[in-house]
N, C-alpha and C. Protein backbone atom coordinates (compact mmCIF):
# COMPACT_ATOMS: atom_id res chain seq x y z
N UNK A 1 34.87 150.60 145.31
CA UNK A 1 34.84 152.06 145.21
C UNK A 1 34.35 152.46 143.82
N UNK A 2 33.36 153.36 143.75
CA UNK A 2 32.81 153.77 142.47
C UNK A 2 33.74 154.71 141.73
N UNK A 3 33.47 154.86 140.44
CA UNK A 3 34.25 155.76 139.59
C UNK A 3 33.42 157.01 139.35
N UNK A 4 34.02 158.18 139.53
CA UNK A 4 33.30 159.44 139.36
C UNK A 4 32.80 159.58 137.92
N UNK A 5 31.63 160.23 137.80
CA UNK A 5 31.07 160.46 136.47
C UNK A 5 32.00 161.35 135.65
N UNK A 6 31.99 161.15 134.35
CA UNK A 6 32.85 161.91 133.45
C UNK A 6 31.97 162.86 132.64
N UNK A 7 32.30 164.15 132.69
CA UNK A 7 31.44 165.11 131.98
C UNK A 7 31.77 165.14 130.49
N UNK A 8 30.90 165.79 129.73
CA UNK A 8 31.00 165.81 128.27
C UNK A 8 32.31 166.42 127.79
N UNK A 9 32.71 167.53 128.40
CA UNK A 9 33.93 168.21 127.97
C UNK A 9 35.15 167.30 128.11
N UNK A 10 35.20 166.57 129.21
CA UNK A 10 36.33 165.67 129.43
C UNK A 10 36.29 164.50 128.45
N UNK A 11 35.10 163.97 128.19
CA UNK A 11 34.97 162.88 127.22
C UNK A 11 35.50 163.29 125.85
N UNK A 12 35.17 164.51 125.43
CA UNK A 12 35.62 165.00 124.13
C UNK A 12 37.12 165.28 124.15
N UNK A 13 37.62 165.84 125.24
CA UNK A 13 39.05 166.14 125.33
C UNK A 13 39.88 164.86 125.30
N UNK A 14 39.48 163.87 126.07
CA UNK A 14 40.19 162.59 126.10
C UNK A 14 40.13 161.92 124.73
N UNK A 15 39.00 162.03 124.06
CA UNK A 15 38.84 161.42 122.74
C UNK A 15 39.77 162.06 121.72
N UNK A 16 39.83 163.40 121.71
CA UNK A 16 40.74 164.08 120.79
C UNK A 16 42.18 163.70 121.04
N UNK A 17 42.55 163.63 122.33
CA UNK A 17 43.92 163.24 122.69
C UNK A 17 44.22 161.82 122.23
N UNK A 18 43.21 160.93 122.32
CA UNK A 18 43.43 159.53 121.96
C UNK A 18 43.65 159.39 120.46
N UNK A 19 42.89 160.14 119.66
CA UNK A 19 43.07 160.08 118.21
C UNK A 19 44.46 160.59 117.84
N UNK A 20 44.90 161.68 118.46
CA UNK A 20 46.22 162.22 118.17
C UNK A 20 47.32 161.24 118.60
N UNK A 21 47.13 160.59 119.74
CA UNK A 21 48.12 159.61 120.21
C UNK A 21 48.17 158.41 119.25
N UNK A 22 47.00 158.00 118.76
CA UNK A 22 46.96 156.87 117.82
C UNK A 22 47.69 157.21 116.53
N UNK A 23 47.56 158.46 116.07
CA UNK A 23 48.25 158.88 114.85
C UNK A 23 49.76 158.84 115.02
N UNK A 24 50.24 159.07 116.24
CA UNK A 24 51.68 159.06 116.51
C UNK A 24 52.21 157.67 116.85
N UNK A 25 51.52 157.01 117.78
CA UNK A 25 52.11 155.83 118.40
C UNK A 25 51.24 154.57 118.31
N UNK A 26 50.14 154.62 117.59
CA UNK A 26 49.26 153.45 117.52
C UNK A 26 49.80 152.36 116.64
N UNK A 27 49.01 151.31 116.49
CA UNK A 27 49.37 150.26 115.55
C UNK A 27 49.36 150.84 114.14
N UNK A 28 49.82 150.08 113.19
CA UNK A 28 49.84 150.57 111.80
C UNK A 28 48.44 150.94 111.33
N UNK A 29 47.46 150.10 111.65
CA UNK A 29 46.08 150.39 111.26
C UNK A 29 45.57 151.64 111.96
N UNK A 30 45.82 151.75 113.27
CA UNK A 30 45.36 152.92 114.02
C UNK A 30 45.99 154.20 113.49
N UNK A 31 47.28 154.16 113.19
CA UNK A 31 47.94 155.34 112.64
C UNK A 31 47.32 155.75 111.32
N UNK A 32 47.06 154.78 110.46
CA UNK A 32 46.48 155.08 109.15
C UNK A 32 45.11 155.75 109.29
N UNK A 33 44.24 155.17 110.11
CA UNK A 33 42.89 155.70 110.27
C UNK A 33 42.90 157.07 110.95
N UNK A 34 43.68 157.20 112.01
CA UNK A 34 43.72 158.47 112.74
C UNK A 34 44.29 159.59 111.87
N UNK A 35 45.30 159.29 111.08
CA UNK A 35 45.88 160.32 110.21
C UNK A 35 44.91 160.71 109.10
N UNK A 36 44.16 159.76 108.58
CA UNK A 36 43.15 160.08 107.58
C UNK A 36 42.15 161.09 108.14
N UNK A 37 41.80 160.92 109.40
CA UNK A 37 40.85 161.81 110.05
C UNK A 37 41.46 163.18 110.32
N UNK A 38 42.65 163.19 110.89
CA UNK A 38 43.31 164.44 111.29
C UNK A 38 43.67 165.29 110.09
N UNK A 39 44.09 164.65 109.01
CA UNK A 39 44.59 165.40 107.85
C UNK A 39 43.48 165.90 106.92
N UNK A 40 42.23 165.54 107.21
CA UNK A 40 41.10 165.99 106.39
C UNK A 40 40.18 166.82 107.30
N UNK A 41 40.24 168.15 107.14
CA UNK A 41 39.47 169.04 108.02
C UNK A 41 37.98 168.76 107.96
N UNK A 42 37.46 168.47 106.77
CA UNK A 42 36.04 168.18 106.63
C UNK A 42 35.65 166.91 107.37
N UNK A 43 36.47 165.87 107.21
CA UNK A 43 36.20 164.60 107.88
C UNK A 43 36.28 164.77 109.40
N UNK A 44 37.22 165.58 109.86
CA UNK A 44 37.37 165.82 111.29
C UNK A 44 36.13 166.51 111.86
N UNK A 45 35.58 167.48 111.13
CA UNK A 45 34.38 168.18 111.61
C UNK A 45 33.19 167.23 111.70
N UNK A 46 33.04 166.36 110.69
CA UNK A 46 31.94 165.39 110.71
C UNK A 46 32.14 164.43 111.89
N UNK A 47 33.37 163.97 112.08
CA UNK A 47 33.65 163.05 113.19
C UNK A 47 33.35 163.72 114.53
N UNK A 48 33.79 164.95 114.69
CA UNK A 48 33.53 165.66 115.95
C UNK A 48 32.04 165.77 116.23
N UNK A 49 31.25 166.07 115.20
CA UNK A 49 29.80 166.21 115.37
C UNK A 49 29.17 164.87 115.76
N UNK A 50 29.56 163.81 115.07
CA UNK A 50 29.00 162.49 115.38
C UNK A 50 29.45 162.02 116.76
N UNK A 51 30.73 162.18 117.04
CA UNK A 51 31.27 161.72 118.32
C UNK A 51 30.68 162.54 119.47
N UNK A 52 30.48 163.82 119.22
CA UNK A 52 29.87 164.69 120.23
C UNK A 52 28.50 164.15 120.62
N UNK A 53 27.70 163.74 119.64
CA UNK A 53 26.38 163.20 119.93
C UNK A 53 26.44 161.94 120.78
N UNK A 54 27.39 161.06 120.47
CA UNK A 54 27.55 159.84 121.25
C UNK A 54 27.99 160.15 122.68
N UNK A 55 28.94 161.07 122.82
CA UNK A 55 29.48 161.38 124.15
C UNK A 55 28.48 162.15 125.01
N UNK A 56 27.59 162.90 124.39
CA UNK A 56 26.55 163.59 125.17
C UNK A 56 25.62 162.58 125.82
N UNK A 57 25.30 161.50 125.12
CA UNK A 57 24.47 160.46 125.69
C UNK A 57 25.18 159.78 126.86
N UNK A 58 26.48 159.59 126.72
CA UNK A 58 27.26 158.98 127.81
C UNK A 58 27.31 159.91 129.01
N UNK A 59 27.58 161.20 128.75
CA UNK A 59 27.70 162.18 129.83
C UNK A 59 26.39 162.37 130.59
N UNK A 60 25.27 162.19 129.91
CA UNK A 60 23.97 162.40 130.55
C UNK A 60 23.59 161.24 131.46
N UNK A 61 24.26 160.10 131.32
CA UNK A 61 23.98 158.95 132.19
C UNK A 61 24.65 159.16 133.54
N UNK A 62 24.21 158.43 134.53
CA UNK A 62 24.75 158.60 135.88
C UNK A 62 25.22 157.28 136.46
N UNK A 63 26.27 157.35 137.26
CA UNK A 63 26.77 156.17 137.95
C UNK A 63 27.18 155.07 136.99
N UNK A 64 26.79 153.84 137.33
CA UNK A 64 27.16 152.68 136.52
C UNK A 64 26.53 152.75 135.13
N UNK A 65 25.48 153.56 134.97
CA UNK A 65 24.83 153.67 133.67
C UNK A 65 25.72 154.35 132.64
N UNK A 66 26.72 155.11 133.09
CA UNK A 66 27.65 155.72 132.14
C UNK A 66 28.40 154.65 131.35
N UNK A 67 28.89 153.65 132.05
CA UNK A 67 29.61 152.58 131.37
C UNK A 67 28.68 151.83 130.41
N UNK A 68 27.43 151.63 130.81
CA UNK A 68 26.46 150.96 129.93
C UNK A 68 26.20 151.80 128.68
N UNK A 69 26.09 153.12 128.86
CA UNK A 69 25.86 154.01 127.72
C UNK A 69 27.05 153.97 126.77
N UNK A 70 28.26 153.90 127.32
CA UNK A 70 29.45 153.84 126.48
C UNK A 70 29.54 152.50 125.77
N UNK A 71 29.15 151.43 126.44
CA UNK A 71 29.14 150.12 125.79
C UNK A 71 28.13 150.09 124.65
N UNK A 72 26.96 150.69 124.87
CA UNK A 72 25.96 150.76 123.80
C UNK A 72 26.49 151.54 122.61
N UNK A 73 27.22 152.63 122.88
CA UNK A 73 27.83 153.40 121.80
C UNK A 73 28.86 152.54 121.06
N UNK A 74 29.61 151.73 121.77
CA UNK A 74 30.61 150.87 121.15
C UNK A 74 29.95 149.84 120.23
N UNK A 75 28.83 149.28 120.67
CA UNK A 75 28.11 148.33 119.81
C UNK A 75 27.69 149.00 118.50
N UNK A 76 27.17 150.22 118.62
CA UNK A 76 26.74 150.96 117.43
C UNK A 76 27.91 151.22 116.49
N UNK A 77 29.05 151.57 117.04
CA UNK A 77 30.24 151.86 116.23
C UNK A 77 30.75 150.60 115.52
N UNK A 78 30.70 149.48 116.20
CA UNK A 78 31.10 148.21 115.57
C UNK A 78 30.19 147.91 114.38
N UNK A 79 28.91 148.20 114.52
CA UNK A 79 27.98 148.00 113.41
C UNK A 79 28.30 148.94 112.25
N UNK A 80 28.68 150.18 112.54
CA UNK A 80 28.99 151.15 111.49
C UNK A 80 30.24 150.76 110.71
N UNK A 81 31.15 150.08 111.36
CA UNK A 81 32.39 149.65 110.69
C UNK A 81 32.17 148.44 109.78
N UNK A 82 31.08 147.73 110.00
CA UNK A 82 30.96 146.37 109.48
C UNK A 82 30.95 146.27 107.96
N UNK A 83 30.20 147.12 107.27
CA UNK A 83 30.05 146.94 105.83
C UNK A 83 31.35 147.16 105.08
N UNK A 84 32.04 148.26 105.35
CA UNK A 84 33.31 148.49 104.66
C UNK A 84 34.32 147.42 105.05
N UNK A 85 34.29 147.00 106.31
CA UNK A 85 35.17 145.91 106.72
C UNK A 85 34.89 144.64 105.95
N UNK A 86 33.61 144.36 105.69
CA UNK A 86 33.24 143.17 104.91
C UNK A 86 33.74 143.28 103.48
N UNK A 87 33.54 144.44 102.85
CA UNK A 87 33.99 144.63 101.47
C UNK A 87 35.50 144.44 101.35
N UNK A 88 36.22 144.93 102.36
CA UNK A 88 37.69 144.82 102.34
C UNK A 88 38.14 143.39 102.60
N UNK A 89 37.53 142.76 103.62
CA UNK A 89 37.94 141.40 104.00
C UNK A 89 37.67 140.41 102.88
N UNK A 90 36.51 140.55 102.22
CA UNK A 90 36.14 139.62 101.15
C UNK A 90 36.75 140.02 99.80
N UNK A 91 37.35 141.21 99.77
CA UNK A 91 37.96 141.74 98.53
C UNK A 91 36.97 141.68 97.36
N UNK A 92 35.77 142.16 97.61
CA UNK A 92 34.73 142.13 96.58
C UNK A 92 35.03 143.15 95.49
N UNK A 93 34.71 142.78 94.28
CA UNK A 93 34.94 143.66 93.13
C UNK A 93 33.72 143.63 92.21
N UNK A 94 33.64 144.62 91.35
CA UNK A 94 32.64 144.64 90.28
C UNK A 94 31.21 144.55 90.77
N UNK A 95 30.44 143.70 90.09
CA UNK A 95 29.00 143.61 90.35
C UNK A 95 28.71 143.12 91.76
N UNK A 96 29.54 142.22 92.30
CA UNK A 96 29.29 141.71 93.64
C UNK A 96 29.40 142.83 94.67
N UNK A 97 30.39 143.71 94.49
CA UNK A 97 30.53 144.85 95.41
C UNK A 97 29.33 145.79 95.28
N UNK A 98 28.88 146.01 94.06
CA UNK A 98 27.72 146.89 93.84
C UNK A 98 26.48 146.32 94.53
N UNK A 99 26.30 145.00 94.44
CA UNK A 99 25.13 144.39 95.06
C UNK A 99 25.23 144.43 96.57
N UNK A 100 26.45 144.30 97.10
CA UNK A 100 26.63 144.38 98.55
C UNK A 100 26.27 145.78 99.07
N UNK A 101 26.71 146.81 98.36
CA UNK A 101 26.37 148.18 98.75
C UNK A 101 24.88 148.43 98.63
N UNK A 102 24.25 147.87 97.58
CA UNK A 102 22.82 148.06 97.36
C UNK A 102 21.98 147.45 98.48
N UNK A 103 22.52 146.42 99.17
CA UNK A 103 21.79 145.81 100.28
C UNK A 103 21.48 146.83 101.36
N UNK A 104 22.38 147.81 101.54
CA UNK A 104 22.23 148.78 102.62
C UNK A 104 21.96 150.20 102.13
N UNK A 105 22.26 150.47 100.86
CA UNK A 105 22.08 151.82 100.32
C UNK A 105 21.00 151.90 99.25
N UNK A 106 20.35 150.80 98.95
CA UNK A 106 19.29 150.80 97.96
C UNK A 106 19.78 151.28 96.60
N UNK A 107 19.05 152.25 96.03
CA UNK A 107 19.35 152.73 94.68
C UNK A 107 20.37 153.88 94.67
N UNK A 108 20.99 154.14 95.80
CA UNK A 108 21.99 155.22 95.86
C UNK A 108 23.13 154.94 94.89
N UNK A 109 23.66 156.00 94.28
CA UNK A 109 24.74 155.85 93.31
C UNK A 109 25.91 155.09 93.94
N UNK A 110 26.51 154.20 93.15
CA UNK A 110 27.59 153.34 93.65
C UNK A 110 28.73 154.15 94.26
N UNK A 111 29.21 155.16 93.53
CA UNK A 111 30.36 155.94 94.02
C UNK A 111 30.01 156.65 95.32
N UNK A 112 28.83 157.23 95.39
CA UNK A 112 28.40 157.92 96.61
C UNK A 112 28.34 156.96 97.79
N UNK A 113 27.80 155.76 97.55
CA UNK A 113 27.69 154.76 98.62
C UNK A 113 29.06 154.31 99.09
N UNK A 114 29.98 154.12 98.14
CA UNK A 114 31.32 153.67 98.50
C UNK A 114 32.07 154.72 99.31
N UNK A 115 31.96 155.98 98.89
CA UNK A 115 32.61 157.07 99.62
C UNK A 115 32.01 157.19 101.03
N UNK A 116 30.68 157.07 101.10
CA UNK A 116 30.01 157.18 102.40
C UNK A 116 30.44 156.07 103.35
N UNK A 117 30.54 154.84 102.84
CA UNK A 117 30.93 153.72 103.70
C UNK A 117 32.37 153.83 104.16
N UNK A 118 33.24 154.31 103.28
CA UNK A 118 34.63 154.48 103.71
C UNK A 118 34.72 155.54 104.81
N UNK A 119 33.99 156.63 104.64
CA UNK A 119 33.97 157.65 105.68
C UNK A 119 33.41 157.13 106.98
N UNK A 120 32.31 156.37 106.89
CA UNK A 120 31.73 155.76 108.10
C UNK A 120 32.75 154.88 108.81
N UNK A 121 33.49 154.12 108.02
CA UNK A 121 34.47 153.19 108.59
C UNK A 121 35.57 153.94 109.33
N UNK A 122 36.12 154.97 108.71
CA UNK A 122 37.21 155.72 109.34
C UNK A 122 36.73 156.39 110.63
N UNK A 123 35.58 157.06 110.56
CA UNK A 123 35.08 157.79 111.73
C UNK A 123 34.66 156.84 112.85
N UNK A 124 33.95 155.76 112.48
CA UNK A 124 33.50 154.81 113.49
C UNK A 124 34.67 154.10 114.15
N UNK A 125 35.69 153.76 113.36
CA UNK A 125 36.87 153.09 113.91
C UNK A 125 37.58 153.98 114.92
N UNK A 126 37.71 155.26 114.60
CA UNK A 126 38.37 156.20 115.52
C UNK A 126 37.54 156.41 116.78
N UNK A 127 36.22 156.51 116.62
CA UNK A 127 35.36 156.67 117.79
C UNK A 127 35.37 155.43 118.67
N UNK A 128 35.41 154.25 118.03
CA UNK A 128 35.46 153.01 118.80
C UNK A 128 36.77 152.91 119.57
N UNK A 129 37.85 153.35 118.95
CA UNK A 129 39.15 153.39 119.64
C UNK A 129 39.05 154.28 120.88
N UNK A 130 38.41 155.44 120.73
CA UNK A 130 38.24 156.36 121.85
C UNK A 130 37.37 155.76 122.94
N UNK A 131 36.27 155.12 122.54
CA UNK A 131 35.35 154.53 123.52
C UNK A 131 36.03 153.46 124.36
N UNK A 132 36.81 152.60 123.71
CA UNK A 132 37.51 151.55 124.45
C UNK A 132 38.56 152.13 125.39
N UNK A 133 39.22 153.20 124.94
CA UNK A 133 40.21 153.87 125.80
C UNK A 133 39.52 154.50 127.01
N UNK A 134 38.42 155.20 126.78
CA UNK A 134 37.70 155.83 127.88
C UNK A 134 37.18 154.78 128.85
N UNK A 135 36.60 153.71 128.31
CA UNK A 135 36.07 152.66 129.16
C UNK A 135 37.13 151.98 130.00
N UNK A 136 38.29 151.74 129.39
CA UNK A 136 39.37 151.04 130.09
C UNK A 136 40.14 151.93 131.05
N UNK A 137 40.57 153.09 130.56
CA UNK A 137 41.46 153.95 131.33
C UNK A 137 40.71 154.92 132.24
N UNK A 138 39.66 155.57 131.71
CA UNK A 138 38.94 156.56 132.49
C UNK A 138 37.90 155.93 133.42
N UNK A 139 37.15 154.96 132.91
CA UNK A 139 36.13 154.30 133.73
C UNK A 139 36.66 153.07 134.45
N UNK A 140 37.83 152.61 134.05
CA UNK A 140 38.48 151.45 134.66
C UNK A 140 37.59 150.22 134.65
N UNK A 141 37.04 149.95 133.47
CA UNK A 141 36.15 148.80 133.30
C UNK A 141 36.75 147.85 132.27
N UNK A 142 37.14 146.68 132.75
CA UNK A 142 37.77 145.69 131.88
C UNK A 142 36.83 145.10 130.84
N UNK A 143 35.52 145.40 130.94
CA UNK A 143 34.59 144.92 129.94
C UNK A 143 34.86 145.48 128.56
N UNK A 144 35.62 146.58 128.51
CA UNK A 144 35.95 147.18 127.22
C UNK A 144 37.19 146.54 126.58
N UNK A 145 37.74 145.54 127.24
CA UNK A 145 38.90 144.84 126.68
C UNK A 145 38.44 143.52 126.04
N UNK A 146 38.73 142.41 126.65
CA UNK A 146 38.47 141.10 126.03
C UNK A 146 36.99 140.88 125.68
N UNK A 147 36.04 141.19 126.57
CA UNK A 147 34.64 140.96 126.20
C UNK A 147 34.21 141.77 124.98
N UNK A 148 34.62 143.04 124.90
CA UNK A 148 34.24 143.85 123.75
C UNK A 148 34.93 143.37 122.48
N UNK A 149 36.18 142.93 122.61
CA UNK A 149 36.88 142.37 121.45
C UNK A 149 36.19 141.10 120.96
N UNK A 150 35.72 140.29 121.89
CA UNK A 150 35.01 139.06 121.53
C UNK A 150 33.70 139.40 120.82
N UNK A 151 33.01 140.43 121.31
CA UNK A 151 31.77 140.85 120.66
C UNK A 151 32.04 141.32 119.24
N UNK A 152 33.11 142.08 119.07
CA UNK A 152 33.45 142.59 117.74
C UNK A 152 33.67 141.44 116.75
N UNK A 153 34.39 140.42 117.20
CA UNK A 153 34.65 139.25 116.34
C UNK A 153 33.34 138.51 116.02
N UNK A 154 32.50 138.33 117.04
CA UNK A 154 31.26 137.59 116.85
C UNK A 154 30.29 138.35 115.94
N UNK A 155 30.20 139.68 116.14
CA UNK A 155 29.32 140.46 115.28
C UNK A 155 29.81 140.43 113.84
N UNK A 156 31.13 140.52 113.64
CA UNK A 156 31.68 140.47 112.28
C UNK A 156 31.37 139.13 111.63
N UNK A 157 31.45 138.05 112.40
CA UNK A 157 31.14 136.73 111.86
C UNK A 157 29.67 136.67 111.41
N UNK A 158 28.78 137.20 112.25
CA UNK A 158 27.36 137.21 111.89
C UNK A 158 27.10 138.09 110.68
N UNK A 159 27.69 139.28 110.66
CA UNK A 159 27.46 140.21 109.56
C UNK A 159 27.97 139.64 108.24
N UNK A 160 29.15 139.05 108.27
CA UNK A 160 29.70 138.46 107.05
C UNK A 160 28.83 137.32 106.56
N UNK A 161 28.33 136.50 107.48
CA UNK A 161 27.46 135.38 107.09
C UNK A 161 26.17 135.92 106.47
N UNK A 162 25.60 136.98 107.07
CA UNK A 162 24.37 137.57 106.54
C UNK A 162 24.59 138.08 105.12
N UNK A 163 25.70 138.78 104.90
CA UNK A 163 25.99 139.31 103.57
C UNK A 163 26.27 138.19 102.57
N UNK A 164 27.03 137.19 102.99
CA UNK A 164 27.33 136.07 102.10
C UNK A 164 26.06 135.37 101.64
N UNK A 165 25.12 135.18 102.57
CA UNK A 165 23.86 134.53 102.23
C UNK A 165 23.05 135.42 101.30
N UNK A 166 22.97 136.71 101.62
CA UNK A 166 22.17 137.64 100.82
C UNK A 166 22.69 137.77 99.39
N UNK A 167 24.02 137.65 99.25
CA UNK A 167 24.64 137.80 97.93
C UNK A 167 24.80 136.48 97.19
N UNK A 168 24.53 135.37 97.89
CA UNK A 168 24.76 134.07 97.29
C UNK A 168 26.23 133.87 96.97
N UNK A 169 27.10 134.40 97.85
CA UNK A 169 28.53 134.43 97.57
C UNK A 169 29.26 133.15 97.95
N UNK A 170 28.53 132.18 98.55
CA UNK A 170 29.19 130.94 98.96
C UNK A 170 28.38 129.74 98.52
N UNK A 171 29.08 128.67 98.23
CA UNK A 171 28.40 127.46 97.79
C UNK A 171 27.55 126.85 98.90
N UNK A 172 27.94 127.09 100.16
CA UNK A 172 27.20 126.52 101.29
C UNK A 172 26.16 127.49 101.82
N UNK A 173 25.65 128.40 100.98
CA UNK A 173 24.69 129.41 101.40
C UNK A 173 23.46 128.83 102.11
N UNK A 174 22.87 127.70 101.62
CA UNK A 174 21.68 127.16 102.31
C UNK A 174 21.96 126.77 103.77
N UNK A 175 23.07 126.08 104.01
CA UNK A 175 23.39 125.68 105.38
C UNK A 175 23.77 126.89 106.22
N UNK A 176 24.42 127.88 105.59
CA UNK A 176 24.79 129.09 106.30
C UNK A 176 23.55 129.89 106.68
N UNK A 177 22.55 129.88 105.80
CA UNK A 177 21.29 130.58 106.09
C UNK A 177 20.64 129.99 107.35
N UNK A 178 20.70 128.66 107.47
CA UNK A 178 20.11 128.00 108.63
C UNK A 178 20.85 128.37 109.91
N UNK A 179 22.12 128.75 109.77
CA UNK A 179 22.95 129.09 110.93
C UNK A 179 22.74 130.53 111.39
N UNK A 180 22.22 131.39 110.52
CA UNK A 180 22.09 132.82 110.83
C UNK A 180 21.33 133.12 112.13
N UNK A 181 20.14 132.47 112.36
CA UNK A 181 19.43 132.76 113.62
C UNK A 181 20.26 132.44 114.86
N UNK A 182 21.04 131.38 114.79
CA UNK A 182 21.89 131.00 115.91
C UNK A 182 22.98 132.05 116.14
N UNK A 183 23.62 132.51 115.06
CA UNK A 183 24.65 133.53 115.19
C UNK A 183 24.07 134.83 115.74
N UNK A 184 22.89 135.19 115.23
CA UNK A 184 22.23 136.41 115.71
C UNK A 184 21.90 136.31 117.20
N UNK A 185 21.46 135.13 117.62
CA UNK A 185 21.16 134.91 119.04
C UNK A 185 22.43 135.04 119.88
N UNK A 186 23.53 134.49 119.38
CA UNK A 186 24.80 134.59 120.11
C UNK A 186 25.22 136.05 120.29
N UNK A 187 25.06 136.85 119.22
CA UNK A 187 25.41 138.27 119.29
C UNK A 187 24.56 138.97 120.35
N UNK A 188 23.25 138.73 120.32
CA UNK A 188 22.35 139.38 121.27
C UNK A 188 22.64 138.93 122.70
N UNK A 189 22.96 137.66 122.86
CA UNK A 189 23.25 137.11 124.19
C UNK A 189 24.52 137.73 124.77
N UNK A 190 25.57 137.83 123.95
CA UNK A 190 26.83 138.40 124.42
C UNK A 190 26.66 139.90 124.70
N UNK A 191 25.91 140.57 123.86
CA UNK A 191 25.65 141.99 124.08
C UNK A 191 24.98 142.23 125.43
N UNK A 192 23.95 141.44 125.72
CA UNK A 192 23.24 141.56 127.00
C UNK A 192 24.16 141.25 128.17
N UNK A 193 25.03 140.24 128.01
CA UNK A 193 25.95 139.86 129.08
C UNK A 193 26.95 140.97 129.36
N UNK A 194 27.45 141.64 128.31
CA UNK A 194 28.41 142.72 128.48
C UNK A 194 27.76 143.91 129.18
N UNK A 195 26.51 144.21 128.81
CA UNK A 195 25.81 145.32 129.46
C UNK A 195 25.54 145.03 130.93
N UNK A 196 25.31 143.77 131.26
CA UNK A 196 25.00 143.39 132.65
C UNK A 196 26.25 143.10 133.47
N UNK A 197 27.40 143.07 132.81
CA UNK A 197 28.64 142.68 133.47
C UNK A 197 29.04 143.69 134.55
N UNK A 198 29.35 143.23 135.77
CA UNK A 198 29.84 144.15 136.79
C UNK A 198 31.21 144.69 136.39
N UNK A 199 31.54 145.87 136.87
CA UNK A 199 32.82 146.48 136.51
C UNK A 199 33.98 145.62 137.01
N UNK A 200 34.93 145.36 136.12
CA UNK A 200 36.14 144.62 136.48
C UNK A 200 37.35 145.47 136.14
N UNK A 201 38.40 145.32 136.90
CA UNK A 201 39.60 146.11 136.62
C UNK A 201 40.21 145.72 135.29
N UNK A 202 40.67 146.70 134.53
CA UNK A 202 41.35 146.39 133.26
C UNK A 202 42.58 145.53 133.50
N UNK A 203 42.99 144.80 132.47
CA UNK A 203 44.13 143.90 132.59
C UNK A 203 45.39 144.60 133.04
N UNK A 204 45.64 145.81 132.50
CA UNK A 204 46.87 146.50 132.85
C UNK A 204 46.91 146.84 134.33
N UNK A 205 45.78 147.27 134.89
CA UNK A 205 45.74 147.60 136.30
C UNK A 205 45.91 146.35 137.14
N UNK A 206 45.31 145.23 136.66
CA UNK A 206 45.45 143.97 137.39
C UNK A 206 46.90 143.51 137.39
N UNK A 207 47.57 143.66 136.23
CA UNK A 207 48.98 143.27 136.14
C UNK A 207 49.83 144.11 137.07
N UNK A 208 49.52 145.40 137.18
CA UNK A 208 50.29 146.28 138.07
C UNK A 208 50.16 145.83 139.51
N UNK A 209 48.95 145.41 139.89
CA UNK A 209 48.74 144.92 141.25
C UNK A 209 49.53 143.64 141.50
N UNK A 210 49.56 142.76 140.50
CA UNK A 210 50.28 141.51 140.66
C UNK A 210 51.78 141.72 140.76
N UNK A 211 52.28 142.76 140.06
CA UNK A 211 53.71 143.02 140.04
C UNK A 211 54.19 143.86 141.23
N UNK A 212 53.25 144.38 142.04
CA UNK A 212 53.64 145.24 143.16
C UNK A 212 54.50 144.45 144.14
N UNK A 213 55.64 145.00 144.55
CA UNK A 213 56.52 144.28 145.48
C UNK A 213 55.85 144.01 146.82
N UNK A 214 56.13 142.87 147.42
CA UNK A 214 55.62 142.53 148.75
C UNK A 214 56.81 142.16 149.62
N UNK A 215 56.54 141.92 150.87
CA UNK A 215 57.62 141.54 151.78
C UNK A 215 58.23 140.20 151.43
N UNK A 216 57.54 139.41 150.63
CA UNK A 216 58.02 138.07 150.27
C UNK A 216 58.81 138.08 148.97
N UNK A 217 58.95 139.25 148.34
CA UNK A 217 59.67 139.29 147.07
C UNK A 217 61.06 139.85 147.27
N UNK A 218 61.98 139.46 146.39
CA UNK A 218 63.34 139.99 146.44
C UNK A 218 63.71 140.45 145.04
N UNK A 219 64.61 141.41 144.94
CA UNK A 219 65.08 141.90 143.65
C UNK A 219 66.05 140.89 143.06
N UNK A 220 65.79 140.45 141.86
CA UNK A 220 66.65 139.49 141.20
C UNK A 220 67.82 140.21 140.56
N UNK A 221 69.01 139.61 140.58
CA UNK A 221 70.17 140.25 139.93
C UNK A 221 70.00 140.31 138.45
N UNK A 222 70.50 141.40 137.83
CA UNK A 222 70.43 141.54 136.37
C UNK A 222 71.38 140.54 135.71
N UNK A 223 70.94 139.93 134.59
CA UNK A 223 71.88 139.04 133.88
C UNK A 223 72.98 139.85 133.23
N UNK A 224 74.15 139.29 133.11
CA UNK A 224 75.27 140.02 132.49
C UNK A 224 75.09 140.12 131.00
C-alpha cells in the first residue's frame, strides 16, 4: 500500500513540532542544538528559510519520488554538518583550525568562517533530525534509520580522511591519500543504494507487528 504525498505546509508543521520536541525530550545533543535554534530568533528565521527551500523540493515530488527527494536533502544536510563536526571531533586549534577553514572558505576572515560553520552545523543538524523523523514516521520508510545512519558514518569517515590528507595532519597521510578514492566510491555506492532502496517499514513499526498478540500467545504473570 502506497503512502499519500505530504504537502509543503504539513512538512513544515511536522518539522517545527519535531524541533520543539527535541528541545524538550531529545538526547542531550538534540536538546542542545534545538534550544540554540529556538532561543535565537535570527537563527530560527534563517533555518526556516533554508528548511522551507528543502521541503518545497520534497513537496513538489510525487509518489515514491518524495522519499527520494527527502533522502537527497538528508545527504546534503550531512555534508553541511561535516566541517564543524570535523573541527570538533579532531579538536583542532590555532593555525591548523585556520587552515581547515581556509580549505572551504578561502580568504574569508577566520572569525566569520567559524561563526558561519557553527550556524551551518546547528541548522543542518536540526533539519536532518526533521528529515529522518518525516521519512520514518510520516513516510514510513525504514531507509531513514539504519541505512542513513550508516551513510552518515561513512561520509564522515571520508570527509575526515580528506581533511586530514589536505592538512597533512597525520603521519600516514600518503597511504591515507591512496585510500581516498576507495572511500569516495563507497560513499557514492551507498548513496545510490539508499536512493534505489524499496520502502521498508521502520523498525518501530516492525517491532509493533512482532509484539501484536496472536492466538498462540498467553499473558505472562507479573513477577512479584
